[in-house]
PDB file of all heavy atoms in Angstrom:
ATOM      1  N   LEU A   1       4.087  -3.698  -8.619  1.00  0.00           N
ATOM      2  CA  LEU A   1       4.934  -2.837  -7.784  1.00  0.00           C
ATOM      3  C   LEU A   1       6.124  -3.571  -7.170  1.00  0.00           C
ATOM      4  O   LEU A   1       7.182  -2.975  -6.966  1.00  0.00           O
ATOM      5  CB  LEU A   1       4.106  -2.189  -6.682  1.00  0.00           C
ATOM      6  CG  LEU A   1       3.339  -0.915  -7.030  1.00  0.00           C
ATOM      7  CD1 LEU A   1       2.709  -0.323  -5.787  1.00  0.00           C
ATOM      8  CD2 LEU A   1       4.252   0.120  -7.680  1.00  0.00           C
ATOM      9  N   VAL A   2       5.936  -4.834  -6.826  1.00  0.00           N
ATOM     10  CA  VAL A   2       7.027  -5.580  -6.183  1.00  0.00           C
ATOM     11  C   VAL A   2       8.299  -5.576  -7.035  1.00  0.00           C
ATOM     12  O   VAL A   2       9.390  -5.256  -6.543  1.00  0.00           O
ATOM     13  CB  VAL A   2       6.577  -7.020  -5.840  1.00  0.00           C
ATOM     14  CG1 VAL A   2       7.782  -7.863  -5.409  1.00  0.00           C
ATOM     15  CG2 VAL A   2       5.532  -6.995  -4.723  1.00  0.00           C
ATOM     16  N   PRO A   3       8.226  -5.902  -8.336  1.00  0.00           N
ATOM     17  CA  PRO A   3       9.449  -5.846  -9.159  1.00  0.00           C
ATOM     18  C   PRO A   3      10.039  -4.441  -9.263  1.00  0.00           C
ATOM     19  O   PRO A   3      11.271  -4.282  -9.288  1.00  0.00           O
ATOM     20  CB  PRO A   3       8.966  -6.343 -10.537  1.00  0.00           C
ATOM     21  CG  PRO A   3       7.727  -7.126 -10.262  1.00  0.00           C
ATOM     22  CD  PRO A   3       7.083  -6.447  -9.099  1.00  0.00           C
ATOM     23  N   ILE A   4       9.165  -3.411  -9.324  1.00  0.00           N
ATOM     24  CA  ILE A   4       9.655  -2.028  -9.424  1.00  0.00           C
ATOM     25  C   ILE A   4      10.439  -1.646  -8.175  1.00  0.00           C
ATOM     26  O   ILE A   4      11.541  -1.083  -8.251  1.00  0.00           O
ATOM     27  CB  ILE A   4       8.478  -1.063  -9.639  1.00  0.00           C
ATOM     28  CG1 ILE A   4       7.835  -1.290 -11.009  1.00  0.00           C
ATOM     29  CG2 ILE A   4       8.945   0.393  -9.511  1.00  0.00           C
ATOM     30  CD1 ILE A   4       6.583  -0.469 -11.256  1.00  0.00           C
ATOM     31  N   PHE A   5       9.898  -1.963  -6.994  1.00  0.00           N
ATOM     32  CA  PHE A   5      10.584  -1.609  -5.755  1.00  0.00           C
ATOM     33  C   PHE A   5      11.844  -2.439  -5.545  1.00  0.00           C
ATOM     34  O   PHE A   5      12.776  -1.998  -4.864  1.00  0.00           O
ATOM     35  CB  PHE A   5       9.626  -1.747  -4.567  1.00  0.00           C
ATOM     36  CG  PHE A   5       8.859  -0.489  -4.272  1.00  0.00           C
ATOM     37  CD1 PHE A   5       7.721  -0.176  -4.980  1.00  0.00           C
ATOM     38  CD2 PHE A   5       9.296   0.397  -3.306  1.00  0.00           C
ATOM     39  CE1 PHE A   5       7.011   0.978  -4.729  1.00  0.00           C
ATOM     40  CE2 PHE A   5       8.606   1.564  -3.034  1.00  0.00           C
ATOM     41  CZ  PHE A   5       7.447   1.855  -3.755  1.00  0.00           C
ATOM     42  N   ARG A   6      11.887  -3.621  -6.087  1.00  0.00           N
ATOM     43  CA  ARG A   6      13.112  -4.424  -5.965  1.00  0.00           C
ATOM     44  C   ARG A   6      14.266  -3.780  -6.735  1.00  0.00           C
ATOM     45  O   ARG A   6      15.431  -3.957  -6.373  1.00  0.00           O
ATOM     46  CB  ARG A   6      12.855  -5.840  -6.476  1.00  0.00           C
ATOM     47  CG  ARG A   6      12.168  -6.728  -5.440  1.00  0.00           C
ATOM     48  CD  ARG A   6      11.879  -8.102  -5.974  1.00  0.00           C
ATOM     49  NE  ARG A   6      11.213  -8.930  -4.964  1.00  0.00           N
ATOM     50  CZ  ARG A   6      10.467  -9.979  -5.249  1.00  0.00           C
ATOM     51  NH1 ARG A   6      10.280 -10.339  -6.516  1.00  0.00           N
ATOM     52  NH2 ARG A   6       9.902 -10.679  -4.286  1.00  0.00           N
ATOM     53  N   LEU A   7      13.949  -3.024  -7.785  1.00  0.00           N
ATOM     54  CA  LEU A   7      14.990  -2.298  -8.513  1.00  0.00           C
ATOM     55  C   LEU A   7      15.543  -1.150  -7.672  1.00  0.00           C
ATOM     56  O   LEU A   7      16.733  -0.847  -7.710  1.00  0.00           O
ATOM     57  CB  LEU A   7      14.425  -1.750  -9.832  1.00  0.00           C
ATOM     58  CG  LEU A   7      14.074  -2.777 -10.917  1.00  0.00           C
ATOM     59  CD1 LEU A   7      13.425  -2.071 -12.104  1.00  0.00           C
ATOM     60  CD2 LEU A   7      15.328  -3.523 -11.361  1.00  0.00           C
ATOM     61  N   MET A   8      14.658  -0.489  -6.907  1.00  0.00           N
ATOM     62  CA  MET A   8      15.072   0.659  -6.093  1.00  0.00           C
ATOM     63  C   MET A   8      15.653   0.213  -4.754  1.00  0.00           C
ATOM     64  O   MET A   8      16.563   0.839  -4.220  1.00  0.00           O
ATOM     65  CB  MET A   8      13.884   1.594  -5.860  1.00  0.00           C
ATOM     66  CG  MET A   8      13.321   2.219  -7.122  1.00  0.00           C
ATOM     67  SD  MET A   8      12.068   3.474  -6.762  1.00  0.00           S
ATOM     68  CE  MET A   8      10.781   2.500  -6.017  1.00  0.00           C
ATOM     69  N   VAL A   9      15.088  -0.858  -4.192  1.00  0.00           N
ATOM     70  CA  VAL A   9      15.521  -1.346  -2.883  1.00  0.00           C
ATOM     71  C   VAL A   9      15.850  -2.830  -3.019  1.00  0.00           C
ATOM     72  O   VAL A   9      15.034  -3.703  -2.701  1.00  0.00           O
ATOM     73  CB  VAL A   9      14.408  -1.142  -1.829  1.00  0.00           C
ATOM     74  CG1 VAL A   9      14.946  -1.444  -0.434  1.00  0.00           C
ATOM     75  CG2 VAL A   9      13.837   0.263  -1.897  1.00  0.00           C
ATOM     76  N   PRO A  10      17.038  -3.149  -3.486  1.00  0.00           N
ATOM     77  CA  PRO A  10      17.372  -4.554  -3.779  1.00  0.00           C
ATOM     78  C   PRO A  10      17.469  -5.441  -2.553  1.00  0.00           C
ATOM     79  O   PRO A  10      17.268  -6.638  -2.629  1.00  0.00           O
ATOM     80  CB  PRO A  10      18.726  -4.444  -4.492  1.00  0.00           C
ATOM     81  CG  PRO A  10      19.296  -3.136  -4.044  1.00  0.00           C
ATOM     82  CD  PRO A  10      18.131  -2.231  -3.822  1.00  0.00           C
ATOM     83  N   GLN A  11      17.785  -4.837  -1.366  1.00  0.00           N
ATOM     84  CA  GLN A  11      17.969  -5.666  -0.192  1.00  0.00           C
ATOM     85  C   GLN A  11      16.631  -5.925   0.502  1.00  0.00           C
ATOM     86  O   GLN A  11      15.771  -5.073   0.557  1.00  0.00           O
ATOM     87  CB  GLN A  11      18.949  -4.996   0.801  1.00  0.00           C
ATOM     88  CG  GLN A  11      18.426  -3.743   1.488  1.00  0.00           C
ATOM     89  CD  GLN A  11      18.618  -2.493   0.658  1.00  0.00           C
ATOM     90  OE1 GLN A  11      18.911  -2.559  -0.517  1.00  0.00           O
ATOM     91  NE2 GLN A  11      18.436  -1.345   1.289  1.00  0.00           N
ATOM     92  N   GLY A  12      16.476  -7.148   1.072  1.00  0.00           N
ATOM     93  CA  GLY A  12      15.291  -7.481   1.848  1.00  0.00           C
ATOM     94  C   GLY A  12      14.102  -7.894   0.992  1.00  0.00           C
ATOM     95  O   GLY A  12      14.085  -7.726  -0.221  1.00  0.00           O
ATOM     96  N   ASP A  13      13.074  -8.435   1.686  1.00  0.00           N
ATOM     97  CA  ASP A  13      11.856  -8.872   1.007  1.00  0.00           C
ATOM     98  C   ASP A  13      10.867  -7.706   0.988  1.00  0.00           C
ATOM     99  O   ASP A  13      10.395  -7.265   2.038  1.00  0.00           O
ATOM    100  CB  ASP A  13      11.263 -10.085   1.728  1.00  0.00           C
ATOM    101  CG  ASP A  13      10.034 -10.625   0.998  1.00  0.00           C
ATOM    102  OD1 ASP A  13       9.795 -10.197  -0.147  1.00  0.00           O
ATOM    103  OD2 ASP A  13       9.325 -11.454   1.586  1.00  0.00           O
ATOM    104  N   ILE A  14      10.546  -7.227  -0.188  1.00  0.00           N
ATOM    105  CA  ILE A  14       9.690  -6.060  -0.335  1.00  0.00           C
ATOM    106  C   ILE A  14       8.216  -6.447  -0.434  1.00  0.00           C
ATOM    107  O   ILE A  14       7.328  -5.595  -0.332  1.00  0.00           O
ATOM    108  CB  ILE A  14      10.104  -5.252  -1.592  1.00  0.00           C
ATOM    109  CG1 ILE A  14       9.628  -3.797  -1.485  1.00  0.00           C
ATOM    110  CG2 ILE A  14       9.581  -5.901  -2.863  1.00  0.00           C
ATOM    111  CD1 ILE A  14      10.376  -2.987  -0.503  1.00  0.00           C
ATOM    112  N   THR A  15       7.903  -7.740  -0.599  1.00  0.00           N
ATOM    113  CA  THR A  15       6.528  -8.176  -0.856  1.00  0.00           C
ATOM    114  C   THR A  15       5.585  -7.808   0.284  1.00  0.00           C
ATOM    115  O   THR A  15       4.482  -7.296   0.055  1.00  0.00           O
ATOM    116  CB  THR A  15       6.473  -9.702  -1.089  1.00  0.00           C
ATOM    117  OG1 THR A  15       7.354 -10.051  -2.152  1.00  0.00           O
ATOM    118  CG2 THR A  15       5.057 -10.139  -1.442  1.00  0.00           C
ATOM    119  N   LEU A  16       5.987  -8.079   1.526  1.00  0.00           N
ATOM    120  CA  LEU A  16       5.134  -7.764   2.673  1.00  0.00           C
ATOM    121  C   LEU A  16       4.878  -6.263   2.759  1.00  0.00           C
ATOM    122  O   LEU A  16       3.755  -5.828   3.052  1.00  0.00           O
ATOM    123  CB  LEU A  16       5.768  -8.269   3.974  1.00  0.00           C
ATOM    124  CG  LEU A  16       5.002  -7.920   5.266  1.00  0.00           C
ATOM    125  CD1 LEU A  16       3.600  -8.518   5.233  1.00  0.00           C
ATOM    126  CD2 LEU A  16       5.771  -8.406   6.493  1.00  0.00           C
ATOM    127  N   LEU A  17       5.912  -5.458   2.505  1.00  0.00           N
ATOM    128  CA  LEU A  17       5.753  -4.011   2.570  1.00  0.00           C
ATOM    129  C   LEU A  17       4.749  -3.523   1.533  1.00  0.00           C
ATOM    130  O   LEU A  17       3.920  -2.655   1.822  1.00  0.00           O
ATOM    131  CB  LEU A  17       7.104  -3.323   2.362  1.00  0.00           C
ATOM    132  CG  LEU A  17       8.187  -3.564   3.417  1.00  0.00           C
ATOM    133  CD1 LEU A  17       9.464  -2.823   3.039  1.00  0.00           C
ATOM    134  CD2 LEU A  17       7.707  -3.131   4.796  1.00  0.00           C
ATOM    135  N   ILE A  18       4.803  -4.068   0.333  1.00  0.00           N
ATOM    136  CA  ILE A  18       3.871  -3.661  -0.722  1.00  0.00           C
ATOM    137  C   ILE A  18       2.453  -4.092  -0.380  1.00  0.00           C
ATOM    138  O   ILE A  18       1.484  -3.350  -0.604  1.00  0.00           O
ATOM    139  CB  ILE A  18       4.300  -4.238  -2.082  1.00  0.00           C
ATOM    140  CG1 ILE A  18       5.659  -3.655  -2.493  1.00  0.00           C
ATOM    141  CG2 ILE A  18       3.258  -3.948  -3.156  1.00  0.00           C
ATOM    142  CD1 ILE A  18       5.668  -2.145  -2.634  1.00  0.00           C
ATOM    143  N   PHE A  19       2.303  -5.308   0.175  1.00  0.00           N
ATOM    144  CA  PHE A  19       0.968  -5.774   0.562  1.00  0.00           C
ATOM    145  C   PHE A  19       0.363  -4.874   1.633  1.00  0.00           C
ATOM    146  O   PHE A  19      -0.804  -4.476   1.548  1.00  0.00           O
ATOM    147  CB  PHE A  19       1.036  -7.217   1.070  1.00  0.00           C
ATOM    148  CG  PHE A  19      -0.280  -7.717   1.610  1.00  0.00           C
ATOM    149  CD1 PHE A  19      -1.338  -7.991   0.751  1.00  0.00           C
ATOM    150  CD2 PHE A  19      -0.455  -7.895   2.980  1.00  0.00           C
ATOM    151  CE1 PHE A  19      -2.558  -8.441   1.256  1.00  0.00           C
ATOM    152  CE2 PHE A  19      -1.671  -8.346   3.487  1.00  0.00           C
ATOM    153  CZ  PHE A  19      -2.716  -8.617   2.621  1.00  0.00           C
ATOM    154  N   LEU A  20       1.154  -4.530   2.662  1.00  0.00           N
ATOM    155  CA  LEU A  20       0.663  -3.655   3.724  1.00  0.00           C
ATOM    156  C   LEU A  20       0.353  -2.258   3.184  1.00  0.00           C
ATOM    157  O   LEU A  20      -0.613  -1.622   3.608  1.00  0.00           O
ATOM    158  CB  LEU A  20       1.698  -3.563   4.850  1.00  0.00           C
ATOM    159  CG  LEU A  20       1.922  -4.835   5.671  1.00  0.00           C
ATOM    160  CD1 LEU A  20       3.075  -4.633   6.644  1.00  0.00           C
ATOM    161  CD2 LEU A  20       0.642  -5.200   6.418  1.00  0.00           C
ATOM    162  N   THR A  21       1.169  -1.802   2.247  1.00  0.00           N
ATOM    163  CA  THR A  21       0.938  -0.482   1.638  1.00  0.00           C
ATOM    164  C   THR A  21      -0.398  -0.453   0.897  1.00  0.00           C
ATOM    165  O   THR A  21      -1.198   0.480   1.065  1.00  0.00           O
ATOM    166  CB  THR A  21       2.084  -0.152   0.658  1.00  0.00           C
ATOM    167  OG1 THR A  21       3.313  -0.083   1.374  1.00  0.00           O
ATOM    168  CG2 THR A  21       1.832   1.175  -0.039  1.00  0.00           C
ATOM    169  N   SER A  22      -0.669  -1.460   0.084  1.00  0.00           N
ATOM    170  CA  SER A  22      -1.916  -1.489  -0.674  1.00  0.00           C
ATOM    171  C   SER A  22      -3.118  -1.679   0.243  1.00  0.00           C
ATOM    172  O   SER A  22      -4.181  -1.078   0.035  1.00  0.00           O
ATOM    173  CB  SER A  22      -1.868  -2.597  -1.730  1.00  0.00           C
ATOM    174  OG  SER A  22      -1.615  -3.853  -1.129  1.00  0.00           O
ATOM    175  N   LEU A  23      -2.965  -2.496   1.298  1.00  0.00           N
ATOM    176  CA  LEU A  23      -4.054  -2.707   2.250  1.00  0.00           C
ATOM    177  C   LEU A  23      -4.377  -1.409   2.999  1.00  0.00           C
ATOM    178  O   LEU A  23      -5.551  -1.064   3.202  1.00  0.00           O
ATOM    179  CB  LEU A  23      -3.666  -3.811   3.239  1.00  0.00           C
ATOM    180  CG  LEU A  23      -4.800  -4.467   4.033  1.00  0.00           C
ATOM    181  CD1 LEU A  23      -5.792  -5.133   3.107  1.00  0.00           C
ATOM    182  CD2 LEU A  23      -4.226  -5.468   5.035  1.00  0.00           C
ATOM    183  N   ALA A  24      -3.342  -0.682   3.387  1.00  0.00           N
ATOM    184  CA  ALA A  24      -3.549   0.609   4.052  1.00  0.00           C
ATOM    185  C   ALA A  24      -4.272   1.588   3.135  1.00  0.00           C
ATOM    186  O   ALA A  24      -5.141   2.351   3.573  1.00  0.00           O
ATOM    187  CB  ALA A  24      -2.204   1.187   4.496  1.00  0.00           C
ATOM    188  N   ALA A  25      -3.924   1.563   1.862  1.00  0.00           N
ATOM    189  CA  ALA A  25      -4.570   2.457   0.897  1.00  0.00           C
ATOM    190  C   ALA A  25      -6.057   2.148   0.751  1.00  0.00           C
ATOM    191  O   ALA A  25      -6.896   3.058   0.679  1.00  0.00           O
ATOM    192  CB  ALA A  25      -3.880   2.345  -0.458  1.00  0.00           C
ATOM    193  N   VAL A  26      -6.400   0.866   0.701  1.00  0.00           N
ATOM    194  CA  VAL A  26      -7.807   0.472   0.551  1.00  0.00           C
ATOM    195  C   VAL A  26      -8.624   0.924   1.756  1.00  0.00           C
ATOM    196  O   VAL A  26      -9.690   1.541   1.608  1.00  0.00           O
ATOM    197  CB  VAL A  26      -7.928  -1.061   0.368  1.00  0.00           C
ATOM    198  CG1 VAL A  26      -9.388  -1.497   0.424  1.00  0.00           C
ATOM    199  CG2 VAL A  26      -7.301  -1.484  -0.948  1.00  0.00           C
ATOM    200  N   PHE A  27      -8.133   0.655   2.970  1.00  0.00           N
ATOM    201  CA  PHE A  27      -8.885   1.036   4.162  1.00  0.00           C
ATOM    202  C   PHE A  27      -8.956   2.551   4.338  1.00  0.00           C
ATOM    203  O   PHE A  27      -9.969   3.084   4.805  1.00  0.00           O
ATOM    204  CB  PHE A  27      -8.271   0.386   5.409  1.00  0.00           C
ATOM    205  CG  PHE A  27      -8.652  -1.057   5.580  1.00  0.00           C
ATOM    206  CD1 PHE A  27      -7.681  -2.049   5.645  1.00  0.00           C
ATOM    207  CD2 PHE A  27      -9.982  -1.435   5.650  1.00  0.00           C
ATOM    208  CE1 PHE A  27      -8.028  -3.383   5.792  1.00  0.00           C
ATOM    209  CE2 PHE A  27     -10.345  -2.768   5.787  1.00  0.00           C
ATOM    210  CZ  PHE A  27      -9.367  -3.745   5.869  1.00  0.00           C
ATOM    211  N   GLN A  28      -7.881   3.263   3.954  1.00  0.00           N
ATOM    212  CA  GLN A  28      -7.928   4.718   4.055  1.00  0.00           C
ATOM    213  C   GLN A  28      -8.949   5.292   3.072  1.00  0.00           C
ATOM    214  O   GLN A  28      -9.682   6.216   3.396  1.00  0.00           O
ATOM    215  CB  GLN A  28      -6.544   5.318   3.796  1.00  0.00           C
ATOM    216  CG  GLN A  28      -6.478   6.802   4.162  1.00  0.00           C
ATOM    217  CD  GLN A  28      -5.049   7.327   4.195  1.00  0.00           C
ATOM    218  OE1 GLN A  28      -4.103   6.556   4.230  1.00  0.00           O
ATOM    219  NE2 GLN A  28      -4.898   8.632   4.195  1.00  0.00           N
ATOM    220  N   THR A  29      -9.029   4.722   1.874  1.00  0.00           N
ATOM    221  CA  THR A  29     -10.027   5.168   0.902  1.00  0.00           C
ATOM    222  C   THR A  29     -11.435   4.951   1.428  1.00  0.00           C
ATOM    223  O   THR A  29     -12.293   5.851   1.353  1.00  0.00           O
ATOM    224  CB  THR A  29      -9.868   4.397  -0.424  1.00  0.00           C
ATOM    225  OG1 THR A  29      -8.544   4.539  -0.901  1.00  0.00           O
ATOM    226  CG2 THR A  29     -10.840   4.925  -1.470  1.00  0.00           C
ATOM    227  N   LEU A  30     -11.695   3.767   1.961  1.00  0.00           N
ATOM    228  CA  LEU A  30     -13.024   3.452   2.478  1.00  0.00           C
ATOM    229  C   LEU A  30     -13.408   4.379   3.623  1.00  0.00           C
ATOM    230  O   LEU A  30     -14.554   4.839   3.708  1.00  0.00           O
ATOM    231  CB  LEU A  30     -13.067   1.991   2.941  1.00  0.00           C
ATOM    232  CG  LEU A  30     -12.943   0.931   1.839  1.00  0.00           C
ATOM    233  CD1 LEU A  30     -12.802  -0.459   2.452  1.00  0.00           C
ATOM    234  CD2 LEU A  30     -14.137   0.977   0.897  1.00  0.00           C
ATOM    235  N   SER A  31     -12.460   4.671   4.506  1.00  0.00           N
ATOM    236  CA  SER A  31     -12.768   5.543   5.646  1.00  0.00           C
ATOM    237  C   SER A  31     -13.009   6.983   5.199  1.00  0.00           C
ATOM    238  O   SER A  31     -13.939   7.648   5.677  1.00  0.00           O
ATOM    239  CB  SER A  31     -11.628   5.491   6.676  1.00  0.00           C
ATOM    240  OG  SER A  31     -10.419   6.015   6.142  1.00  0.00           O
ATOM    241  N   ILE A  32     -12.197   7.486   4.275  1.00  0.00           N
ATOM    242  CA  ILE A  32     -12.376   8.855   3.780  1.00  0.00           C
ATOM    243  C   ILE A  32     -13.711   8.997   3.062  1.00  0.00           C
ATOM    244  O   ILE A  32     -14.428   9.988   3.230  1.00  0.00           O
ATOM    245  CB  ILE A  32     -11.222   9.240   2.834  1.00  0.00           C
ATOM    246  CG1 ILE A  32      -9.906   9.347   3.603  1.00  0.00           C
ATOM    247  CG2 ILE A  32     -11.522  10.570   2.141  1.00  0.00           C
ATOM    248  CD1 ILE A  32      -8.687   9.512   2.706  1.00  0.00           C
ATOM    249  N   ASN A  33     -14.076   7.990   2.270  1.00  0.00           N
ATOM    250  CA  ASN A  33     -15.301   8.081   1.488  1.00  0.00           C
ATOM    251  C   ASN A  33     -16.556   7.977   2.341  1.00  0.00           C
ATOM    252  O   ASN A  33     -17.555   8.660   2.070  1.00  0.00           O
ATOM    253  CB  ASN A  33     -15.311   7.002   0.400  1.00  0.00           C
ATOM    254  CG  ASN A  33     -14.389   7.353  -0.750  1.00  0.00           C
ATOM    255  OD1 ASN A  33     -13.660   8.336  -0.688  1.00  0.00           O
ATOM    256  ND2 ASN A  33     -14.394   6.562  -1.795  1.00  0.00           N
ATOM    257  N   ILE A  34     -16.541   7.148   3.367  1.00  0.00           N
ATOM    258  CA  ILE A  34     -17.719   7.072   4.232  1.00  0.00           C
ATOM    259  C   ILE A  34     -17.860   8.363   5.037  1.00  0.00           C
ATOM    260  O   ILE A  34     -18.967   8.815   5.335  1.00  0.00           O
ATOM    261  CB  ILE A  34     -17.655   5.830   5.165  1.00  0.00           C
ATOM    262  CG1 ILE A  34     -19.027   5.542   5.760  1.00  0.00           C
ATOM    263  CG2 ILE A  34     -16.624   6.007   6.259  1.00  0.00           C
ATOM    264  CD1 ILE A  34     -20.056   5.096   4.750  1.00  0.00           C
ATOM    265  N   MET A  35     -16.729   8.997   5.363  1.00  0.00           N
ATOM    266  CA  MET A  35     -16.785  10.275   6.085  1.00  0.00           C
ATOM    267  C   MET A  35     -17.220  11.433   5.186  1.00  0.00           C
ATOM    268  O   MET A  35     -17.634  12.478   5.676  1.00  0.00           O
ATOM    269  CB  MET A  35     -15.417  10.559   6.718  1.00  0.00           C
ATOM    270  CG  MET A  35     -15.102   9.657   7.910  1.00  0.00           C
ATOM    271  SD  MET A  35     -13.380   9.758   8.458  1.00  0.00           S
ATOM    272  CE  MET A  35     -13.305  11.461   9.014  1.00  0.00           C
ATOM    273  N   ALA A  36     -17.139  11.231   3.859  1.00  0.00           N
ATOM    274  CA  ALA A  36     -17.637  12.253   2.926  1.00  0.00           C
ATOM    275  C   ALA A  36     -19.132  12.469   3.099  1.00  0.00           C
ATOM    276  O   ALA A  36     -19.666  13.524   2.741  1.00  0.00           O
ATOM    277  CB  ALA A  36     -17.325  11.853   1.489  1.00  0.00           C
ATOM    278  N   TYR A  37     -19.817  11.475   3.638  1.00  0.00           N
ATOM    279  CA  TYR A  37     -21.243  11.599   3.964  1.00  0.00           C
ATOM    280  C   TYR A  37     -21.476  12.805   4.872  1.00  0.00           C
ATOM    281  O   TYR A  37     -22.423  13.585   4.677  1.00  0.00           O
ATOM    282  CB  TYR A  37     -21.707  10.309   4.636  1.00  0.00           C
ATOM    283  CG  TYR A  37     -23.030  10.383   5.359  1.00  0.00           C
ATOM    284  CD1 TYR A  37     -24.225  10.169   4.690  1.00  0.00           C
ATOM    285  CD2 TYR A  37     -23.074  10.642   6.727  1.00  0.00           C
ATOM    286  CE1 TYR A  37     -25.434  10.227   5.363  1.00  0.00           C
ATOM    287  CE2 TYR A  37     -24.269  10.698   7.409  1.00  0.00           C
ATOM    288  CZ  TYR A  37     -25.454  10.486   6.729  1.00  0.00           C
ATOM    289  OH  TYR A  37     -26.650  10.546   7.401  1.00  0.00           O
ATOM    290  N   TYR A  38     -20.632  12.961   5.885  1.00  0.00           N
ATOM    291  CA  TYR A  38     -20.789  14.073   6.823  1.00  0.00           C
ATOM    292  C   TYR A  38     -20.435  15.405   6.171  1.00  0.00           C
ATOM    293  O   TYR A  38     -21.054  16.437   6.459  1.00  0.00           O
ATOM    294  CB  TYR A  38     -19.934  13.844   8.070  1.00  0.00           C
ATOM    295  CG  TYR A  38     -20.391  12.665   8.900  1.00  0.00           C
ATOM    296  CD1 TYR A  38     -19.564  11.560   9.090  1.00  0.00           C
ATOM    297  CD2 TYR A  38     -21.654  12.649   9.466  1.00  0.00           C
ATOM    298  CE1 TYR A  38     -19.980  10.477   9.837  1.00  0.00           C
ATOM    299  CE2 TYR A  38     -22.085  11.567  10.223  1.00  0.00           C
ATOM    300  CZ  TYR A  38     -21.250  10.479  10.407  1.00  0.00           C
ATOM    301  OH  TYR A  38     -21.672   9.400  11.136  1.00  0.00           O
TER     302      TYR A  38
END
């Protein structure tokens, strides 16, 4: 994803944003799935 976003957003360092995005996705998945129990 980092190279893809650099094509769309050439300015700035996109690596941290992509890392935070993927980390948010993982935790949101885990929280939604554990709540599926209820």
